Amino acid sequence: MKQKAERLLIFCFISTMLFFALLFFILPHQRFSELENRYLQAVPRLTWDNVLSKKYAEEAERFVTDHFPFRDKWVSIKSMVEQGRLQQENNNIYKGKDGYLFDKFTKPDEVQVQQEVEAVKQFALNHPTVNMTFMLAPTSIGVYPERLPWLAPVYSQKKVNQWMEEQLHNDITFINGFDFLAPHASEAIYYRTDHHWTSYGAYLAYVAYAQQKGWKPLAQSDFMIETVSHSFLGSYHTRSQFAGVSPDQMQAYIPRKPVKTEMYIADSNQTFTTMYDQSFLTKKDQYSYFLGGVHALMKLTSKLDQQQIEQQKLLIIKDSYAHNVIPFLTNHLSEIHVIDLRYYNGNITQYMAENGIEDVLFLFNTKTLVEDTTILKLNK
């Protein structure tokens, strides 16, 4: 009897494995996951270089994981089970107080961060006549550590920003995001369900940069503040799938004195007459409403009155924290060139020379900067 039960168990196990393996090959593979709001791993390329470097094995593992049958349902079930166990963390996302979700932040790799600092220093040294500013913005966990679950471990982003400032202030103008965000911590400067700052947080960043440049920033009263979405569930909710989370509102600051701006996307060779893509408000990735999402290279050209022009050109080297800041800057600049190093593979020095760039703004959030190494591409 015992042997029959064991055989039945083995048969069921093998049948289940074969069933899911068959489904893996039969079911169509998605390119993009709406639930997780990210592109899934494509079929890995089998080449000798990829095999020898272990890249093929790593991509093959990610491909199987990303396209496992009914993956979206398994992700949701895992989240429900974790919440049933009263867990306050799922997929490295904490469920904090006051409806906030937080991305886990651990001590950065000191060697990697030092390499990134040296890359920025070398870039500044290579362009001695270019005015450079580095704005480093904390994420919400850096400003609100007291809202984390009890005993949740976190490394201080304030320490990271202070160290970065000490390393860079002699080579480049440094703007520490804590300086202009902390005084407004009681206000809605971050989305509760997403890793970005709100449009108000972006406005504060714009004011800080404008003041550092000696410009007169526009007051909030100079904008019509429109709520464009009441249903924004951002990247933190996407990853954690916590139930019972209230969505964020998303706002746009529209100047009362309109500025005509053309936005050229080099990736797709398209030009748009708006910086806001309404179509994303009906999708999962609503933050891509600003600038139409992530692009390797963009150029924004604004028609300004002579008295409005504070500066002709600016190059912004950035992550997505810049997306809702850039529309504010179009009120002062005739040309804004935007490069995202995660996707841009051109020579930045050559690009600056060809386009007469004499001012550069680096705009990153602390977590992206210390975890992503693409800033090392600066001098290539």
Protein backbone atom coordinates (compact mmCIF):
# COMPACT_ATOMS: atom_id res chain seq x y z
CA MET A 1 0.00 0.00 0.00
CA LYS A 2 2.80 2.34 0.93
CA GLN A 3 4.62 1.56 -2.33
CA LYS A 4 1.48 2.34 -4.36
CA ALA A 5 1.08 5.67 -2.61
CA GLU A 6 4.74 6.54 -3.28
CA ARG A 7 4.44 5.55 -6.94
CA LEU A 8 1.27 7.64 -7.27
CA LEU A 9 3.05 10.59 -5.70
CA ILE A 10 6.01 10.23 -8.07
CA PHE A 11 3.67 9.86 -11.05
CA CYS A 12 1.76 13.01 -10.08
CA PHE A 13 4.98 14.95 -9.58
CA ILE A 14 6.46 13.92 -12.94
CA SER A 15 3.14 14.51 -14.72
CA THR A 16 2.88 17.99 -13.25
CA MET A 17 6.44 18.84 -14.31
CA LEU A 18 5.81 17.55 -17.84
CA PHE A 19 2.50 19.42 -18.00
CA PHE A 20 4.11 22.77 -17.12
CA ALA A 21 7.07 22.07 -19.42
CA LEU A 22 4.63 21.45 -22.28
CA LEU A 23 2.73 24.64 -21.46
CA PHE A 24 6.01 26.57 -21.41
CA PHE A 25 6.62 25.67 -25.06
CA ILE A 26 2.98 25.92 -26.22
CA LEU A 27 1.82 29.17 -24.62
CA PRO A 28 2.83 32.44 -26.31
CA HIS A 29 5.61 34.35 -24.59
CA GLN A 30 4.89 37.93 -23.61
CA ARG A 31 7.38 40.69 -24.30
CA PHE A 32 6.12 42.98 -21.55
CA SER A 33 4.53 42.22 -18.17
CA GLU A 34 1.72 44.66 -17.37
CA LEU A 35 1.57 43.33 -13.81
CA GLU A 36 5.28 43.83 -13.10
CA ASN A 37 5.58 46.82 -15.44
CA ARG A 38 8.80 45.64 -17.08
CA TYR A 39 10.13 43.97 -20.20
CA LEU A 40 10.63 40.23 -19.80
CA GLN A 41 13.79 38.37 -20.72
CA ALA A 42 14.01 37.65 -24.44
CA VAL A 43 15.22 34.33 -25.86
CA PRO A 44 18.96 34.20 -25.08
CA ARG A 45 21.43 34.16 -27.97
CA LEU A 46 23.55 31.01 -28.12
CA THR A 47 27.10 32.11 -28.99
CA TRP A 48 30.50 30.95 -27.79
CA ASP A 49 31.15 34.29 -26.11
CA ASN A 50 27.85 34.13 -24.23
CA VAL A 51 28.47 30.54 -23.15
CA LEU A 52 32.03 31.20 -21.96
CA SER A 53 31.05 34.36 -20.08
CA LYS A 54 28.09 32.54 -18.45
CA LYS A 55 25.80 35.20 -19.91
CA TYR A 56 23.83 32.55 -21.81
CA ALA A 57 23.18 30.50 -18.66
CA GLU A 58 22.09 33.58 -16.71
CA GLU A 59 19.76 34.79 -19.48
CA ALA A 60 18.35 31.29 -19.99
CA GLU A 61 17.51 31.08 -16.30
CA ARG A 62 15.82 34.50 -16.38
CA PHE A 63 13.95 33.51 -19.57
CA VAL A 64 12.48 30.41 -17.92
CA THR A 65 11.60 32.34 -14.77
CA ASP A 66 10.00 35.24 -16.65
CA HIS A 67 7.92 33.02 -18.94
CA PHE A 68 6.88 30.31 -16.50
CA PRO A 69 3.23 29.42 -17.22
CA PHE A 70 0.73 31.65 -15.36
CA ARG A 71 3.57 33.65 -13.82
CA ASP A 72 1.36 36.67 -13.06
CA LYS A 73 -1.01 34.53 -11.01
CA TRP A 74 1.88 32.92 -9.10
CA VAL A 75 3.26 36.37 -8.26
CA SER A 76 -0.13 37.45 -6.92
CA ILE A 77 -0.59 34.22 -4.96
CA LYS A 78 2.86 34.63 -3.36
CA SER A 79 1.91 38.14 -2.26
CA MET A 80 -1.39 36.91 -0.77
CA VAL A 81 0.41 34.14 1.13
CA GLU A 82 3.00 36.57 2.50
CA GLN A 83 0.25 38.92 3.67
CA GLY A 84 -1.65 35.99 5.19
CA ARG A 85 1.47 35.30 7.26
CA LEU A 86 1.37 38.99 8.34
CA GLN A 87 4.62 39.65 6.51
CA GLN A 88 5.41 43.34 5.99
CA GLU A 89 7.88 42.66 3.15
CA ASN A 90 7.45 41.07 -0.24
CA ASN A 91 9.96 41.09 -3.12
CA ASN A 92 12.15 43.56 -1.18
CA ILE A 93 9.27 46.02 -0.75
CA TYR A 94 8.22 46.99 2.79
CA LYS A 95 4.65 47.88 3.72
CA GLY A 96 5.17 50.94 5.88
CA LYS A 97 3.04 53.37 7.84
CA ASP A 98 0.60 55.92 6.44
CA GLY A 99 0.08 53.88 3.27
CA TYR A 100 3.73 54.13 2.12
CA LEU A 101 5.58 51.32 0.40
CA PHE A 102 9.40 51.35 0.52
CA ASP A 103 12.14 49.68 -1.50
CA LYS A 104 14.76 47.98 0.67
CA PHE A 105 18.03 49.95 0.78
CA THR A 106 21.22 48.26 1.98
CA LYS A 107 24.80 49.44 2.38
CA PRO A 108 26.26 50.21 -1.07
CA ASP A 109 29.31 48.51 -2.53
CA GLU A 110 32.03 50.97 -1.53
CA VAL A 111 34.40 49.97 -4.33
CA GLN A 112 31.70 50.39 -6.98
CA VAL A 113 30.54 53.76 -5.63
CA GLN A 114 34.13 55.01 -5.49
CA GLN A 115 34.56 54.03 -9.15
CA GLU A 116 31.44 56.01 -10.02
CA VAL A 117 32.73 59.06 -8.15
CA GLU A 118 36.04 58.85 -10.00
CA ALA A 119 34.17 58.62 -13.32
CA VAL A 120 32.28 61.86 -12.56
CA LYS A 121 35.51 63.57 -11.42
CA GLN A 122 37.31 62.50 -14.58
CA PHE A 123 34.41 63.74 -16.72
CA ALA A 124 34.60 67.14 -15.02
CA LEU A 125 38.39 67.18 -15.47
CA ASN A 126 37.99 66.39 -19.17
CA HIS A 127 35.66 69.39 -19.60
CA PRO A 128 37.17 72.22 -17.52
CA THR A 129 35.17 74.97 -19.27
CA VAL A 130 31.79 73.27 -18.81
CA ASN A 131 29.58 74.24 -15.85
CA MET A 132 28.50 71.05 -14.10
CA THR A 133 25.95 70.45 -11.37
CA PHE A 134 25.17 67.13 -9.68
CA MET A 135 21.78 66.78 -7.98
CA LEU A 136 21.38 63.63 -5.89
CA ALA A 137 17.86 62.98 -4.61
CA PRO A 138 17.02 60.47 -1.87
CA THR A 139 14.17 58.05 -2.41
CA SER A 140 11.28 58.00 0.05
CA ILE A 141 12.97 55.51 2.38
CA GLY A 142 15.77 58.02 2.89
CA VAL A 143 13.41 60.79 4.03
CA TYR A 144 10.91 58.62 5.93
CA PRO A 145 12.87 55.86 7.76
CA GLU A 146 10.53 56.27 10.74
CA ARG A 147 7.63 55.01 8.60
CA LEU A 148 9.24 51.61 8.03
CA PRO A 149 7.89 48.49 9.77
CA TRP A 150 9.32 47.88 13.22
CA LEU A 151 12.94 46.61 13.10
CA ALA A 152 13.10 46.73 9.31
CA PRO A 153 16.81 47.12 8.42
CA VAL A 154 17.82 50.13 6.33
CA TYR A 155 21.07 51.90 5.51
CA SER A 156 21.06 55.69 5.76
CA GLN A 157 20.77 57.43 2.38
CA LYS A 158 21.67 60.65 4.18
CA LYS A 159 25.13 59.19 4.87
CA VAL A 160 25.49 58.22 1.21
CA ASN A 161 24.52 61.69 -0.01
CA GLN A 162 26.82 63.40 2.48
CA TRP A 163 29.73 61.18 1.44
CA MET A 164 29.04 61.87 -2.24
CA GLU A 165 28.97 65.59 -1.53
CA GLU A 166 32.30 65.42 0.30
CA GLN A 167 33.83 63.56 -2.63
CA LEU A 168 32.51 65.80 -5.41
CA HIS A 169 32.07 69.34 -4.10
CA ASN A 170 35.59 70.42 -5.11
CA ASP A 171 35.12 69.25 -8.70
CA ILE A 172 31.46 69.96 -9.41
CA THR A 173 28.56 71.93 -7.92
CA PHE A 174 26.64 69.50 -5.72
CA ILE A 175 22.97 69.81 -4.71
CA ASN A 176 21.99 67.43 -1.92
CA GLY A 177 18.32 66.48 -2.24
CA PHE A 178 17.93 66.26 1.53
CA ASP A 179 18.54 70.01 1.77
CA PHE A 180 15.43 70.98 -0.19
CA LEU A 181 13.21 67.95 0.50
CA ALA A 182 13.58 67.47 4.26
CA PRO A 183 11.93 70.84 5.14
CA HIS A 184 8.84 69.67 3.21
CA ALA A 185 8.77 66.08 4.52
CA SER A 186 5.26 66.54 5.95
CA GLU A 187 3.95 67.34 2.46
CA ALA A 188 3.28 65.04 -0.51
CA ILE A 189 6.77 65.03 -2.03
CA TYR A 190 6.83 61.29 -2.86
CA TYR A 191 4.30 58.89 -4.28
CA ARG A 192 3.31 56.30 -1.69
CA THR A 193 3.27 53.39 -4.17
CA ASP A 194 6.09 54.38 -6.52
CA HIS A 195 9.83 55.09 -6.34
CA HIS A 196 9.60 58.59 -7.86
CA TRP A 197 8.97 61.95 -6.29
CA THR A 198 5.65 63.64 -7.01
CA SER A 199 5.28 66.67 -9.25
CA TYR A 200 5.51 68.79 -6.10
CA GLY A 201 8.79 67.09 -5.15
CA ALA A 202 9.99 67.74 -8.70
CA TYR A 203 8.94 71.39 -8.36
CA LEU A 204 11.10 71.71 -5.24
CA ALA A 205 14.03 70.22 -7.18
CA TYR A 206 13.46 72.73 -9.99
CA VAL A 207 13.43 75.62 -7.51
CA ALA A 208 16.67 74.40 -5.88
CA TYR A 209 18.43 74.13 -9.26
CA ALA A 210 17.12 77.50 -10.48
CA GLN A 211 18.28 79.22 -7.30
CA GLN A 212 21.69 77.61 -7.55
CA LYS A 213 21.96 78.95 -11.12
CA GLY A 214 20.86 82.43 -10.04
CA TRP A 215 17.55 82.26 -11.92
CA LYS A 216 14.19 83.38 -10.60
CA PRO A 217 12.04 80.22 -10.41
CA LEU A 218 8.35 80.40 -11.18
CA ALA A 219 6.08 80.38 -8.14
CA GLN A 220 3.48 77.64 -7.71
CA SER A 221 0.84 80.28 -8.41
CA ASP A 222 2.33 80.64 -11.91
CA PHE A 223 1.03 77.13 -12.71
CA MET A 224 -2.35 75.49 -13.08
CA ILE A 225 -1.98 72.31 -11.03
CA GLU A 226 -4.11 69.64 -12.66
CA THR A 227 -4.79 66.19 -11.23
CA VAL A 228 -4.44 63.91 -14.25
CA SER A 229 -4.89 60.57 -12.46
CA HIS A 230 -6.56 59.26 -9.30
CA SER A 231 -5.55 55.64 -9.94
CA PHE A 232 -1.74 55.53 -10.00
CA LEU A 233 -0.35 52.34 -8.49
CA GLY A 234 3.39 52.59 -9.06
CA SER A 235 6.47 50.37 -9.17
CA TYR A 236 6.46 49.50 -5.45
CA HIS A 237 2.92 48.19 -5.66
CA THR A 238 3.75 46.41 -8.91
CA ARG A 239 6.60 44.50 -7.29
CA SER A 240 4.93 43.79 -3.95
CA GLN A 241 1.30 43.26 -5.04
CA PHE A 242 0.18 44.19 -1.52
CA ALA A 243 -3.61 44.20 -1.28
CA GLY A 244 -5.63 47.09 0.10
CA VAL A 245 -3.20 49.78 -1.06
CA SER A 246 -4.77 53.13 -1.95
CA PRO A 247 -3.67 54.53 -5.32
CA ASP A 248 -1.78 57.80 -5.66
CA GLN A 249 -2.94 60.91 -7.42
CA MET A 250 -0.76 62.27 -10.20
CA GLN A 251 -0.54 65.98 -10.96
CA ALA A 252 0.81 68.09 -13.79
CA TYR A 253 2.01 71.69 -13.43
CA ILE A 254 0.85 73.61 -16.51
CA PRO A 255 2.30 77.17 -16.85
CA ARG A 256 -0.34 79.89 -16.91
CA LYS A 257 1.84 81.53 -19.54
CA PRO A 258 2.19 78.64 -22.02
CA VAL A 259 5.54 77.79 -23.59
CA LYS A 260 5.63 76.05 -26.96
CA THR A 261 8.01 73.11 -26.68
CA GLU A 262 8.91 70.50 -29.29
CA MET A 263 10.23 67.18 -28.01
CA TYR A 264 12.42 65.17 -30.38
CA ILE A 265 12.98 61.49 -29.52
CA ALA A 266 16.16 60.35 -31.26
CA ASP A 267 15.46 56.67 -30.51
CA SER A 268 12.39 56.64 -32.75
CA ASN A 269 13.17 59.76 -34.84
CA GLN A 270 9.84 61.30 -33.79
CA THR A 271 8.93 64.86 -32.82
CA PHE A 272 6.06 65.72 -30.48
CA THR A 273 4.49 69.06 -29.58
CA THR A 274 3.72 68.01 -25.99
CA MET A 275 5.79 66.69 -23.10
CA TYR A 276 2.88 64.65 -21.76
CA ASP A 277 1.62 61.37 -23.21
CA GLN A 278 -2.02 60.97 -22.18
CA SER A 279 -2.12 57.36 -23.41
CA PHE A 280 -0.07 56.16 -20.44
CA LEU A 281 -2.77 57.29 -18.00
CA THR A 282 -4.82 54.26 -19.05
CA LYS A 283 -1.88 51.86 -18.62
CA LYS A 284 -0.01 50.39 -15.68
CA ASP A 285 3.04 52.62 -16.16
CA GLN A 286 1.30 55.94 -15.58
CA TYR A 287 4.53 57.76 -14.66
CA SER A 288 5.50 57.53 -18.35
CA TYR A 289 2.89 60.25 -18.85
CA PHE A 290 5.89 62.52 -18.31
CA LEU A 291 8.00 62.69 -21.50
CA GLY A 292 6.47 59.47 -22.81
CA GLY A 293 8.75 57.29 -20.68
CA VAL A 294 12.43 56.43 -20.90
CA HIS A 295 14.48 57.31 -24.00
CA ALA A 296 18.19 57.12 -24.71
CA LEU A 297 18.42 60.60 -26.25
CA MET A 298 16.00 63.50 -26.41
CA LYS A 299 16.07 67.16 -27.37
CA LEU A 300 13.49 69.68 -26.19
CA THR A 301 13.31 73.01 -27.99
CA SER A 302 11.26 75.84 -26.46
CA LYS A 303 10.16 79.12 -28.04
CA LEU A 304 10.77 81.68 -25.30
CA ASP A 305 10.59 85.44 -25.13
CA GLN A 306 14.05 86.98 -24.85
CA GLN A 307 13.45 88.00 -21.23
CA GLN A 308 12.53 84.42 -20.33
CA ILE A 309 15.80 82.90 -21.56
CA GLU A 310 18.18 82.28 -18.68
CA GLN A 311 20.44 80.01 -20.69
CA GLN A 312 20.52 78.72 -24.25
CA LYS A 313 21.44 75.06 -23.79
CA LEU A 314 21.62 72.41 -21.07
CA LEU A 315 22.56 68.74 -21.19
CA ILE A 316 20.84 66.59 -18.56
CA ILE A 317 22.39 63.20 -17.79
CA LYS A 318 19.81 61.45 -15.70
CA ASP A 319 17.59 58.65 -14.48
CA SER A 320 13.78 58.84 -14.50
CA TYR A 321 13.69 61.26 -11.54
CA ALA A 322 14.32 63.97 -14.13
CA HIS A 323 11.17 63.25 -16.13
CA ASN A 324 8.81 65.46 -14.14
CA VAL A 325 11.52 68.08 -13.48
CA ILE A 326 12.36 68.77 -17.13
CA PRO A 327 8.99 70.42 -18.00
CA PHE A 328 9.73 73.11 -15.37
CA LEU A 329 13.13 73.84 -16.92
CA THR A 330 11.64 74.48 -20.37
CA ASN A 331 10.42 77.81 -18.97
CA HIS A 332 14.03 79.04 -18.84
CA LEU A 333 16.01 77.17 -21.51
CA SER A 334 15.82 77.26 -25.30
CA GLU A 335 17.34 73.80 -25.71
CA ILE A 336 17.47 70.88 -23.32
CA HIS A 337 19.36 67.78 -24.38
CA VAL A 338 18.61 64.64 -22.34
CA ILE A 339 20.73 61.49 -22.13
CA ASP A 340 19.92 58.31 -20.21
CA LEU A 341 23.15 56.36 -19.85
CA ARG A 342 21.29 53.10 -19.33
CA TYR A 343 20.33 53.17 -23.01
CA TYR A 344 22.67 55.69 -24.68
CA ASN A 345 25.86 54.20 -26.12
CA GLY A 346 27.27 57.20 -27.99
CA ASN A 347 30.29 59.32 -27.12
CA ILE A 348 29.09 62.07 -24.77
CA THR A 349 32.15 64.29 -25.26
CA GLN A 350 31.61 64.22 -29.00
CA TYR A 351 27.90 64.94 -28.57
CA MET A 352 28.65 67.96 -26.38
CA ALA A 353 31.14 69.34 -28.90
CA GLU A 354 28.76 68.88 -31.84
CA ASN A 355 25.89 70.60 -30.00
CA GLY A 356 27.80 73.40 -28.27
CA ILE A 357 27.00 72.20 -24.74
CA GLU A 358 28.54 74.32 -21.97
CA ASP A 359 26.28 73.38 -19.06
CA VAL A 360 25.53 69.91 -17.68
CA LEU A 361 23.12 68.74 -14.98
CA PHE A 362 23.43 65.26 -13.50
CA LEU A 363 20.14 64.25 -11.87
CA PHE A 364 19.91 60.88 -10.14
CA ASN A 365 18.22 59.29 -7.17
CA THR A 366 20.48 57.75 -4.56
CA LYS A 367 19.38 54.14 -5.02
CA THR A 368 19.79 54.12 -8.80
CA LEU A 369 23.17 55.80 -8.59
CA VAL A 370 24.71 53.33 -6.14
CA GLU A 371 23.17 50.19 -7.66
CA ASP A 372 23.49 50.93 -11.39
CA THR A 373 26.97 51.16 -12.90
CA THR A 374 26.05 52.83 -16.20
CA ILE A 375 27.50 56.16 -15.05
CA LEU A 376 30.87 54.50 -15.66
CA LYS A 377 30.08 54.98 -19.39
CA LEU A 378 30.62 58.74 -19.02
CA ASN A 379 34.17 58.77 -20.34
CA LYS A 380 33.84 56.10 -23.04
